Amino acid sequence: MHPQQALVRRTGIPSVLLAVALALPSTGAQAQDRFYLGMDAMNWFLDEDGGSDFSALGVRGRVGIKISEQFAVEAHLGGTGTDRSGGERRELDFLYAGLVRGDLPITRYTSLYGVMGVAGVELGGRDTDDASVSRRDSGVSLGIGADFSIADGAHVNIDYIRYVNASDLDFSAISVGARWSF
């Protein structure tokens, strides 16, 4: 009797769970580097139509799952950063995005990628009359970037993403960071 089968009989673990557990190691390279996490420094830009432009440094976290070698689905969460312009102040309270990512390998260690999906931002601050300002907007996101492998499962990246392009608000960011696959 195989040791895993004996474990099932002694502990009562359902055979479905055992089949999944036994199949995972045998998938080899397909399961390797399937999930990833990333952390980035994000220089964001806010352009309010008819108003001031703002820019500040924030942070962004990413989590993703590879569907194939060229395609992945990822989520972005970000925030922080305050800028003053013309007597007004804007703060990035929250950024969220759900994106599809397509990778184009250039070399063994370098790839270009594009992202497309939906995103939203929540902004706060003060206007010139010192009144509180709170804005929310969402829209279609598009972006491009480059990914550089520096070690097994470790990558550095740079990208530009226009997260929201609404009628009265444009929000975009240039980000530099790292991504770890597991």
N, C-alpha and C. Protein backbone atom coordinates (compact mmCIF):
# COMPACT_ATOMS: atom_id res chain seq x y z
N MET A 1 0.85 -1.19 0.00
CA MET A 1 0.00 0.00 0.00
C MET A 1 0.89 1.24 0.00
N HIS A 2 0.53 2.22 -0.83
CA HIS A 2 1.27 3.48 -0.91
C HIS A 2 1.11 4.26 0.40
N PRO A 3 2.14 4.99 0.88
CA PRO A 3 2.03 5.71 2.16
C PRO A 3 0.87 6.70 2.21
N GLN A 4 0.57 7.38 1.08
CA GLN A 4 -0.55 8.33 1.09
C GLN A 4 -1.88 7.60 1.25
N GLN A 5 -2.00 6.40 0.67
CA GLN A 5 -3.24 5.64 0.81
C GLN A 5 -3.44 5.20 2.26
N ALA A 6 -2.35 4.81 2.91
CA ALA A 6 -2.44 4.44 4.32
C ALA A 6 -2.88 5.63 5.16
N LEU A 7 -2.38 6.82 4.83
CA LEU A 7 -2.77 8.03 5.56
C LEU A 7 -4.27 8.28 5.43
N VAL A 8 -4.79 8.06 4.21
CA VAL A 8 -6.23 8.27 3.99
C VAL A 8 -7.04 7.32 4.86
N ARG A 9 -6.65 6.07 4.90
CA ARG A 9 -7.40 5.09 5.68
C ARG A 9 -7.32 5.38 7.17
N ARG A 10 -6.17 5.85 7.66
CA ARG A 10 -6.03 6.11 9.09
C ARG A 10 -6.72 7.39 9.52
N THR A 11 -6.68 8.44 8.68
CA THR A 11 -7.21 9.74 9.11
C THR A 11 -8.58 10.06 8.55
N GLY A 12 -9.01 9.35 7.52
CA GLY A 12 -10.32 9.62 6.95
C GLY A 12 -10.34 10.80 5.99
N ILE A 13 -9.17 11.22 5.47
CA ILE A 13 -9.12 12.32 4.50
C ILE A 13 -9.84 11.87 3.24
N PRO A 14 -10.74 12.68 2.71
CA PRO A 14 -11.47 12.29 1.50
C PRO A 14 -10.53 12.03 0.33
N SER A 15 -10.87 11.08 -0.49
CA SER A 15 -10.01 10.69 -1.61
C SER A 15 -9.85 11.81 -2.63
N VAL A 16 -10.80 12.71 -2.72
CA VAL A 16 -10.68 13.83 -3.65
C VAL A 16 -9.52 14.73 -3.23
N LEU A 17 -9.41 15.03 -1.93
CA LEU A 17 -8.30 15.84 -1.45
C LEU A 17 -6.98 15.15 -1.70
N LEU A 18 -6.94 13.85 -1.50
CA LEU A 18 -5.71 13.10 -1.75
C LEU A 18 -5.33 13.18 -3.23
N ALA A 19 -6.30 13.03 -4.12
CA ALA A 19 -6.01 13.09 -5.56
C ALA A 19 -5.44 14.45 -5.93
N VAL A 20 -5.99 15.53 -5.39
CA VAL A 20 -5.47 16.87 -5.67
C VAL A 20 -4.05 17.00 -5.13
N ALA A 21 -3.82 16.56 -3.91
CA ALA A 21 -2.50 16.66 -3.30
C ALA A 21 -1.46 15.87 -4.08
N LEU A 22 -1.82 14.71 -4.57
CA LEU A 22 -0.88 13.90 -5.34
C LEU A 22 -0.65 14.47 -6.73
N ALA A 23 -1.63 15.14 -7.30
CA ALA A 23 -1.50 15.70 -8.64
C ALA A 23 -0.66 16.96 -8.67
N LEU A 24 -0.67 17.77 -7.62
CA LEU A 24 0.07 19.03 -7.63
C LEU A 24 1.56 18.85 -7.88
N PRO A 25 2.26 17.99 -7.16
CA PRO A 25 3.69 17.86 -7.43
C PRO A 25 3.98 17.34 -8.83
N SER A 26 3.09 16.57 -9.42
CA SER A 26 3.36 15.97 -10.72
C SER A 26 3.16 16.94 -11.87
N THR A 27 2.55 18.11 -11.64
CA THR A 27 2.34 19.05 -12.73
C THR A 27 3.62 19.78 -13.10
N GLY A 28 4.67 19.68 -12.27
CA GLY A 28 5.98 20.20 -12.60
C GLY A 28 5.99 21.68 -12.89
N ALA A 29 6.52 22.04 -14.06
CA ALA A 29 6.73 23.45 -14.41
C ALA A 29 5.42 24.21 -14.55
N GLN A 30 4.32 23.52 -14.85
CA GLN A 30 3.06 24.23 -15.02
C GLN A 30 2.60 24.87 -13.71
N ALA A 31 2.79 24.21 -12.58
CA ALA A 31 2.37 24.77 -11.31
C ALA A 31 3.39 25.75 -10.75
N GLN A 32 4.64 25.63 -11.22
CA GLN A 32 5.70 26.50 -10.72
C GLN A 32 5.44 27.94 -11.18
N ASP A 33 5.65 28.89 -10.31
CA ASP A 33 5.51 30.32 -10.61
C ASP A 33 4.11 30.68 -11.09
N ARG A 34 3.09 30.01 -10.63
CA ARG A 34 1.73 30.29 -11.08
C ARG A 34 1.13 31.51 -10.40
N PHE A 35 1.37 31.67 -9.11
CA PHE A 35 0.86 32.81 -8.36
C PHE A 35 1.98 33.82 -8.15
N TYR A 36 1.62 35.10 -8.04
CA TYR A 36 2.64 36.10 -7.76
C TYR A 36 2.09 37.23 -6.91
N LEU A 37 3.01 37.84 -6.18
CA LEU A 37 2.74 39.01 -5.35
C LEU A 37 3.75 40.09 -5.72
N GLY A 38 3.32 41.33 -5.68
CA GLY A 38 4.24 42.42 -6.00
C GLY A 38 3.99 43.63 -5.12
N MET A 39 5.04 44.43 -4.97
CA MET A 39 4.96 45.68 -4.21
C MET A 39 5.71 46.74 -5.00
N ASP A 40 5.08 47.91 -5.19
CA ASP A 40 5.64 48.94 -6.05
C ASP A 40 5.58 50.32 -5.41
N ALA A 41 6.56 51.14 -5.75
CA ALA A 41 6.47 52.58 -5.50
C ALA A 41 5.74 53.15 -6.71
N MET A 42 4.75 53.99 -6.45
CA MET A 42 3.86 54.47 -7.51
C MET A 42 3.82 56.00 -7.48
N ASN A 43 4.29 56.61 -8.57
CA ASN A 43 4.16 58.06 -8.71
C ASN A 43 2.87 58.31 -9.49
N TRP A 44 1.84 58.80 -8.77
CA TRP A 44 0.54 58.97 -9.42
C TRP A 44 0.34 60.41 -9.87
N PHE A 45 -0.52 60.56 -10.89
CA PHE A 45 -0.83 61.85 -11.50
C PHE A 45 -2.34 62.00 -11.56
N LEU A 46 -2.83 63.11 -11.11
CA LEU A 46 -4.26 63.43 -11.14
C LEU A 46 -4.45 64.70 -11.93
N ASP A 47 -5.26 64.64 -12.96
CA ASP A 47 -5.59 65.80 -13.78
C ASP A 47 -7.09 66.01 -13.70
N GLU A 48 -7.50 67.06 -13.00
CA GLU A 48 -8.92 67.40 -12.90
C GLU A 48 -9.24 68.42 -13.99
N ASP A 49 -10.18 68.09 -14.85
CA ASP A 49 -10.56 69.02 -15.90
C ASP A 49 -11.05 70.32 -15.29
N GLY A 50 -10.50 71.42 -15.75
CA GLY A 50 -10.89 72.73 -15.23
C GLY A 50 -10.28 73.02 -13.87
N GLY A 51 -9.39 72.19 -13.40
CA GLY A 51 -8.79 72.37 -12.08
C GLY A 51 -7.29 72.19 -12.13
N SER A 52 -6.71 72.00 -10.99
CA SER A 52 -5.26 71.84 -10.87
C SER A 52 -4.84 70.42 -11.20
N ASP A 53 -3.55 70.27 -11.44
CA ASP A 53 -2.95 68.95 -11.62
C ASP A 53 -2.19 68.61 -10.34
N PHE A 54 -2.24 67.33 -9.95
CA PHE A 54 -1.59 66.88 -8.73
C PHE A 54 -0.73 65.66 -9.04
N SER A 55 0.32 65.48 -8.25
CA SER A 55 1.21 64.34 -8.41
C SER A 55 1.84 64.04 -7.05
N ALA A 56 1.93 62.75 -6.70
CA ALA A 56 2.53 62.38 -5.42
C ALA A 56 3.02 60.93 -5.48
N LEU A 57 3.83 60.57 -4.50
CA LEU A 57 4.36 59.22 -4.41
C LEU A 57 3.47 58.39 -3.49
N GLY A 58 3.07 57.22 -3.95
CA GLY A 58 2.25 56.31 -3.17
C GLY A 58 2.79 54.90 -3.26
N VAL A 59 2.02 53.94 -2.81
CA VAL A 59 2.41 52.53 -2.89
C VAL A 59 1.29 51.73 -3.55
N ARG A 60 1.70 50.59 -4.13
CA ARG A 60 0.74 49.72 -4.79
C ARG A 60 1.14 48.28 -4.53
N GLY A 61 0.16 47.47 -4.20
CA GLY A 61 0.38 46.03 -4.07
C GLY A 61 -0.34 45.32 -5.19
N ARG A 62 0.24 44.18 -5.61
CA ARG A 62 -0.37 43.40 -6.69
C ARG A 62 -0.43 41.93 -6.28
N VAL A 63 -1.45 41.27 -6.72
CA VAL A 63 -1.56 39.81 -6.58
C VAL A 63 -2.09 39.30 -7.90
N GLY A 64 -1.53 38.18 -8.37
CA GLY A 64 -1.96 37.68 -9.66
C GLY A 64 -1.85 36.18 -9.76
N ILE A 65 -2.50 35.66 -10.79
CA ILE A 65 -2.43 34.23 -11.10
C ILE A 65 -2.25 34.09 -12.60
N LYS A 66 -1.24 33.29 -12.98
CA LYS A 66 -0.98 33.04 -14.40
C LYS A 66 -1.97 32.00 -14.91
N ILE A 67 -2.60 32.32 -16.02
CA ILE A 67 -3.49 31.39 -16.69
C ILE A 67 -2.68 30.54 -17.67
N SER A 68 -1.69 31.18 -18.31
CA SER A 68 -0.75 30.51 -19.20
C SER A 68 0.56 31.29 -19.12
N GLU A 69 1.53 30.91 -19.92
CA GLU A 69 2.82 31.63 -19.91
C GLU A 69 2.66 33.07 -20.37
N GLN A 70 1.67 33.36 -21.22
CA GLN A 70 1.50 34.71 -21.76
C GLN A 70 0.36 35.50 -21.13
N PHE A 71 -0.53 34.87 -20.37
CA PHE A 71 -1.68 35.58 -19.83
C PHE A 71 -1.84 35.37 -18.33
N ALA A 72 -2.27 36.45 -17.65
CA ALA A 72 -2.50 36.39 -16.21
C ALA A 72 -3.66 37.31 -15.87
N VAL A 73 -4.21 37.12 -14.69
CA VAL A 73 -5.23 38.00 -14.14
C VAL A 73 -4.64 38.54 -12.84
N GLU A 74 -4.73 39.87 -12.65
CA GLU A 74 -4.16 40.43 -11.44
C GLU A 74 -5.04 41.52 -10.86
N ALA A 75 -4.85 41.76 -9.56
CA ALA A 75 -5.57 42.81 -8.84
C ALA A 75 -4.54 43.77 -8.25
N HIS A 76 -4.85 45.06 -8.30
CA HIS A 76 -4.00 46.09 -7.72
C HIS A 76 -4.75 46.79 -6.59
N LEU A 77 -4.05 47.06 -5.51
CA LEU A 77 -4.55 47.89 -4.42
C LEU A 77 -3.47 48.89 -4.09
N GLY A 78 -3.85 50.16 -3.98
CA GLY A 78 -2.85 51.19 -3.71
C GLY A 78 -3.42 52.32 -2.89
N GLY A 79 -2.52 53.19 -2.49
CA GLY A 79 -2.95 54.35 -1.73
C GLY A 79 -1.78 55.21 -1.31
N THR A 80 -2.07 56.19 -0.53
CA THR A 80 -1.18 57.19 0.05
C THR A 80 -0.70 58.21 -0.96
N GLY A 81 -0.20 59.28 -0.46
CA GLY A 81 0.32 60.36 -1.27
C GLY A 81 -0.56 61.58 -1.20
N THR A 82 0.08 62.74 -0.98
CA THR A 82 -0.63 64.02 -0.89
C THR A 82 0.14 65.06 -1.70
N ASP A 83 -0.58 65.91 -2.42
CA ASP A 83 0.05 67.00 -3.16
C ASP A 83 -0.79 68.26 -3.00
N ARG A 84 -0.10 69.40 -3.02
CA ARG A 84 -0.75 70.71 -2.97
C ARG A 84 -0.46 71.45 -4.26
N SER A 85 -1.49 72.13 -4.75
CA SER A 85 -1.34 72.91 -5.97
C SER A 85 -2.38 74.02 -5.97
N GLY A 86 -1.93 75.26 -6.15
CA GLY A 86 -2.85 76.40 -6.24
C GLY A 86 -3.75 76.55 -5.04
N GLY A 87 -3.27 76.29 -3.83
CA GLY A 87 -4.08 76.41 -2.63
C GLY A 87 -5.00 75.23 -2.37
N GLU A 88 -4.93 74.20 -3.21
CA GLU A 88 -5.74 73.01 -3.02
C GLU A 88 -4.84 71.84 -2.63
N ARG A 89 -5.46 70.84 -2.00
CA ARG A 89 -4.72 69.63 -1.61
C ARG A 89 -5.53 68.40 -2.04
N ARG A 90 -4.82 67.39 -2.59
CA ARG A 90 -5.46 66.14 -2.94
C ARG A 90 -4.66 64.98 -2.33
N GLU A 91 -5.41 63.99 -1.84
CA GLU A 91 -4.83 62.79 -1.24
C GLU A 91 -5.43 61.57 -1.93
N LEU A 92 -4.58 60.59 -2.21
CA LEU A 92 -5.08 59.32 -2.73
C LEU A 92 -5.45 58.46 -1.55
N ASP A 93 -6.76 58.26 -1.35
CA ASP A 93 -7.23 57.41 -0.26
C ASP A 93 -7.14 55.94 -0.64
N PHE A 94 -7.52 55.62 -1.89
CA PHE A 94 -7.61 54.21 -2.26
C PHE A 94 -7.60 54.08 -3.78
N LEU A 95 -6.88 53.08 -4.27
CA LEU A 95 -6.87 52.70 -5.68
C LEU A 95 -7.14 51.20 -5.74
N TYR A 96 -8.01 50.78 -6.64
CA TYR A 96 -8.25 49.36 -6.84
C TYR A 96 -8.41 49.09 -8.33
N ALA A 97 -7.96 47.90 -8.76
CA ALA A 97 -8.05 47.54 -10.17
C ALA A 97 -8.10 46.04 -10.33
N GLY A 98 -8.86 45.59 -11.31
CA GLY A 98 -8.88 44.20 -11.76
C GLY A 98 -8.46 44.19 -13.21
N LEU A 99 -7.35 43.50 -13.52
CA LEU A 99 -6.74 43.61 -14.84
C LEU A 99 -6.42 42.25 -15.44
N VAL A 100 -6.44 42.18 -16.75
CA VAL A 100 -5.93 41.04 -17.51
C VAL A 100 -4.57 41.47 -18.03
N ARG A 101 -3.58 40.60 -17.89
CA ARG A 101 -2.21 40.93 -18.29
C ARG A 101 -1.76 39.99 -19.40
N GLY A 102 -1.17 40.56 -20.45
CA GLY A 102 -0.59 39.78 -21.54
C GLY A 102 0.90 40.04 -21.61
N ASP A 103 1.72 38.98 -21.57
CA ASP A 103 3.18 39.10 -21.60
C ASP A 103 3.72 38.72 -22.97
N LEU A 104 4.72 39.46 -23.43
CA LEU A 104 5.42 39.18 -24.67
C LEU A 104 6.90 39.00 -24.33
N PRO A 105 7.38 37.74 -24.26
CA PRO A 105 8.79 37.52 -23.93
C PRO A 105 9.70 38.10 -25.01
N ILE A 106 10.73 38.84 -24.58
CA ILE A 106 11.71 39.42 -25.50
C ILE A 106 12.99 38.59 -25.45
N THR A 107 13.47 38.31 -24.24
CA THR A 107 14.60 37.42 -24.02
C THR A 107 14.22 36.47 -22.89
N ARG A 108 15.15 35.65 -22.50
CA ARG A 108 14.90 34.71 -21.40
C ARG A 108 14.62 35.44 -20.09
N TYR A 109 15.16 36.65 -19.94
CA TYR A 109 15.06 37.40 -18.69
C TYR A 109 14.19 38.65 -18.79
N THR A 110 13.70 38.98 -19.96
CA THR A 110 12.97 40.23 -20.16
C THR A 110 11.67 39.98 -20.91
N SER A 111 10.62 40.67 -20.46
CA SER A 111 9.36 40.62 -21.21
C SER A 111 8.68 41.98 -21.14
N LEU A 112 7.91 42.27 -22.16
CA LEU A 112 7.04 43.44 -22.18
C LEU A 112 5.64 42.95 -21.88
N TYR A 113 4.83 43.80 -21.25
CA TYR A 113 3.46 43.38 -20.97
C TYR A 113 2.50 44.54 -21.12
N GLY A 114 1.26 44.17 -21.35
CA GLY A 114 0.18 45.12 -21.41
C GLY A 114 -0.91 44.68 -20.45
N VAL A 115 -1.62 45.64 -19.87
CA VAL A 115 -2.74 45.32 -18.98
C VAL A 115 -3.98 46.08 -19.43
N MET A 116 -5.12 45.46 -19.18
CA MET A 116 -6.40 46.08 -19.51
C MET A 116 -7.43 45.58 -18.51
N GLY A 117 -8.29 46.48 -18.06
CA GLY A 117 -9.32 46.08 -17.12
C GLY A 117 -10.12 47.27 -16.63
N VAL A 118 -10.55 47.19 -15.38
CA VAL A 118 -11.31 48.27 -14.77
C VAL A 118 -10.63 48.67 -13.46
N ALA A 119 -10.79 49.95 -13.11
CA ALA A 119 -10.17 50.46 -11.88
C ALA A 119 -11.03 51.58 -11.31
N GLY A 120 -10.75 51.89 -10.07
CA GLY A 120 -11.42 53.00 -9.40
C GLY A 120 -10.48 53.68 -8.44
N VAL A 121 -10.76 54.95 -8.18
CA VAL A 121 -9.97 55.72 -7.22
C VAL A 121 -10.90 56.45 -6.28
N GLU A 122 -10.43 56.63 -5.05
CA GLU A 122 -11.11 57.47 -4.07
C GLU A 122 -10.10 58.51 -3.62
N LEU A 123 -10.48 59.76 -3.75
CA LEU A 123 -9.60 60.89 -3.44
C LEU A 123 -10.24 61.79 -2.41
N GLY A 124 -9.41 62.40 -1.60
CA GLY A 124 -9.88 63.37 -0.62
C GLY A 124 -9.02 64.61 -0.70
N GLY A 125 -9.27 65.56 0.17
CA GLY A 125 -8.45 66.77 0.20
C GLY A 125 -9.24 67.99 0.58
N ARG A 126 -8.69 69.13 0.24
CA ARG A 126 -9.29 70.43 0.53
C ARG A 126 -9.22 71.31 -0.71
N ASP A 127 -10.23 72.15 -0.92
CA ASP A 127 -10.20 73.10 -2.03
C ASP A 127 -9.65 74.44 -1.54
N THR A 128 -9.69 75.46 -2.40
CA THR A 128 -9.11 76.77 -2.06
C THR A 128 -9.86 77.45 -0.92
N ASP A 129 -11.12 77.12 -0.69
CA ASP A 129 -11.91 77.68 0.41
C ASP A 129 -11.77 76.85 1.68
N ASP A 130 -10.86 75.91 1.71
CA ASP A 130 -10.61 74.99 2.81
C ASP A 130 -11.81 74.08 3.10
N ALA A 131 -12.64 73.88 2.09
CA ALA A 131 -13.76 72.94 2.23
C ALA A 131 -13.27 71.55 1.86
N SER A 132 -13.84 70.57 2.50
CA SER A 132 -13.45 69.18 2.26
C SER A 132 -13.88 68.74 0.85
N VAL A 133 -13.00 68.00 0.19
CA VAL A 133 -13.27 67.48 -1.14
C VAL A 133 -13.17 65.96 -1.07
N SER A 134 -14.16 65.29 -1.63
CA SER A 134 -14.15 63.83 -1.69
C SER A 134 -14.64 63.43 -3.07
N ARG A 135 -13.83 62.61 -3.77
CA ARG A 135 -14.19 62.21 -5.12
C ARG A 135 -13.99 60.72 -5.29
N ARG A 136 -14.87 60.12 -6.05
CA ARG A 136 -14.75 58.72 -6.46
C ARG A 136 -15.00 58.66 -7.95
N ASP A 137 -14.21 57.82 -8.61
CA ASP A 137 -14.46 57.60 -10.03
C ASP A 137 -13.89 56.27 -10.42
N SER A 138 -14.40 55.71 -11.50
CA SER A 138 -13.91 54.43 -12.01
C SER A 138 -13.99 54.45 -13.52
N GLY A 139 -13.31 53.50 -14.13
CA GLY A 139 -13.32 53.44 -15.58
C GLY A 139 -12.43 52.33 -16.10
N VAL A 140 -12.27 52.32 -17.42
CA VAL A 140 -11.44 51.34 -18.10
C VAL A 140 -9.98 51.72 -17.92
N SER A 141 -9.14 50.71 -17.67
CA SER A 141 -7.71 50.92 -17.45
C SER A 141 -6.92 50.28 -18.58
N LEU A 142 -5.85 50.96 -18.97
CA LEU A 142 -4.91 50.44 -19.97
C LEU A 142 -3.51 50.78 -19.52
N GLY A 143 -2.56 49.88 -19.78
CA GLY A 143 -1.18 50.16 -19.40
C GLY A 143 -0.18 49.28 -20.11
N ILE A 144 1.09 49.70 -20.03
CA ILE A 144 2.21 48.94 -20.60
C ILE A 144 3.33 48.89 -19.58
N GLY A 145 4.17 47.87 -19.70
CA GLY A 145 5.28 47.76 -18.77
C GLY A 145 6.34 46.80 -19.26
N ALA A 146 7.42 46.71 -18.47
CA ALA A 146 8.53 45.80 -18.73
C ALA A 146 8.86 45.06 -17.45
N ASP A 147 9.16 43.79 -17.58
CA ASP A 147 9.45 42.90 -16.47
C ASP A 147 10.84 42.30 -16.68
N PHE A 148 11.69 42.31 -15.65
CA PHE A 148 13.04 41.80 -15.74
C PHE A 148 13.26 40.75 -14.66
N SER A 149 13.61 39.53 -15.07
CA SER A 149 13.87 38.45 -14.12
C SER A 149 15.27 38.65 -13.55
N ILE A 150 15.38 38.67 -12.19
CA ILE A 150 16.69 38.85 -11.56
C ILE A 150 17.15 37.59 -10.83
N ALA A 151 16.24 36.68 -10.57
CA ALA A 151 16.55 35.39 -9.93
C ALA A 151 15.34 34.50 -10.12
N ASP A 152 15.47 33.24 -9.76
CA ASP A 152 14.34 32.32 -9.87
C ASP A 152 13.14 32.84 -9.07
N GLY A 153 12.06 33.19 -9.75
CA GLY A 153 10.85 33.66 -9.09
C GLY A 153 10.87 35.10 -8.64
N ALA A 154 11.95 35.85 -8.91
CA ALA A 154 12.04 37.26 -8.50
C ALA A 154 12.21 38.15 -9.74
N HIS A 155 11.39 39.19 -9.80
CA HIS A 155 11.38 40.08 -10.96
C HIS A 155 11.33 41.54 -10.48
N VAL A 156 11.89 42.43 -11.28
CA VAL A 156 11.67 43.87 -11.08
C VAL A 156 10.90 44.36 -12.30
N ASN A 157 10.13 45.42 -12.10
CA ASN A 157 9.27 45.88 -13.19
C ASN A 157 9.12 47.39 -13.15
N ILE A 158 8.73 47.92 -14.29
CA ILE A 158 8.34 49.33 -14.42
C ILE A 158 7.13 49.35 -15.35
N ASP A 159 6.13 50.18 -15.01
CA ASP A 159 4.96 50.27 -15.88
C ASP A 159 4.31 51.64 -15.79
N TYR A 160 3.52 51.92 -16.80
CA TYR A 160 2.66 53.11 -16.83
C TYR A 160 1.25 52.62 -17.06
N ILE A 161 0.34 53.01 -16.17
CA ILE A 161 -1.06 52.61 -16.31
C ILE A 161 -1.96 53.84 -16.16
N ARG A 162 -2.85 54.00 -17.11
CA ARG A 162 -3.91 55.02 -16.98
C ARG A 162 -5.08 54.28 -16.35
N TYR A 163 -5.24 54.50 -15.04
CA TYR A 163 -6.26 53.77 -14.29
C TYR A 163 -7.67 54.27 -14.57
N VAL A 164 -7.85 55.59 -14.59
CA VAL A 164 -9.19 56.16 -14.82
C VAL A 164 -9.06 57.31 -15.81
N ASN A 165 -9.89 57.28 -16.84
CA ASN A 165 -9.95 58.35 -17.83
C ASN A 165 -11.42 58.73 -17.96
N ALA A 166 -11.90 59.52 -16.99
CA ALA A 166 -13.31 59.92 -16.95
C ALA A 166 -13.48 61.31 -17.56
N SER A 167 -14.70 61.75 -17.68
CA SER A 167 -14.98 63.03 -18.32
C SER A 167 -14.37 64.22 -17.56
N ASP A 168 -14.29 64.13 -16.24
CA ASP A 168 -13.75 65.26 -15.48
C ASP A 168 -12.53 64.92 -14.63
N LEU A 169 -11.95 63.72 -14.84
CA LEU A 169 -10.83 63.29 -14.01
C LEU A 169 -10.00 62.24 -14.74
N ASP A 170 -8.69 62.44 -14.77
CA ASP A 170 -7.77 61.45 -15.31
C ASP A 170 -6.80 61.08 -14.20
N PHE A 171 -6.64 59.77 -13.97
CA PHE A 171 -5.72 59.30 -12.93
C PHE A 171 -4.82 58.24 -13.54
N SER A 172 -3.50 58.47 -13.48
CA SER A 172 -2.54 57.52 -14.03
C SER A 172 -1.36 57.40 -13.07
N ALA A 173 -0.49 56.42 -13.33
CA ALA A 173 0.66 56.21 -12.45
C ALA A 173 1.81 55.55 -13.20
N ILE A 174 3.02 55.92 -12.82
CA ILE A 174 4.24 55.23 -13.22
C ILE A 174 4.72 54.50 -11.98
N SER A 175 4.92 53.20 -12.10
CA SER A 175 5.29 52.40 -10.93
C SER A 175 6.57 51.61 -11.19
N VAL A 176 7.37 51.47 -10.14
CA VAL A 176 8.59 50.67 -10.17
C VAL A 176 8.56 49.78 -8.94
N GLY A 177 8.84 48.49 -9.13
CA GLY A 177 8.78 47.60 -7.97
C GLY A 177 9.30 46.23 -8.24
N ALA A 178 8.87 45.30 -7.41
CA ALA A 178 9.33 43.92 -7.47
C ALA A 178 8.13 42.99 -7.43
N ARG A 179 8.33 41.79 -8.00
CA ARG A 179 7.28 40.77 -8.04
C ARG A 179 7.92 39.43 -7.72
N TRP A 180 7.25 38.65 -6.88
CA TRP A 180 7.74 37.34 -6.50
C TRP A 180 6.74 36.27 -6.90
N SER A 181 7.20 35.26 -7.60
CA SER A 181 6.35 34.16 -8.06
C SER A 181 6.54 32.97 -7.15
N PHE A 182 5.48 32.21 -6.97
CA PHE A 182 5.57 30.98 -6.17
C PHE A 182 4.56 29.96 -6.67
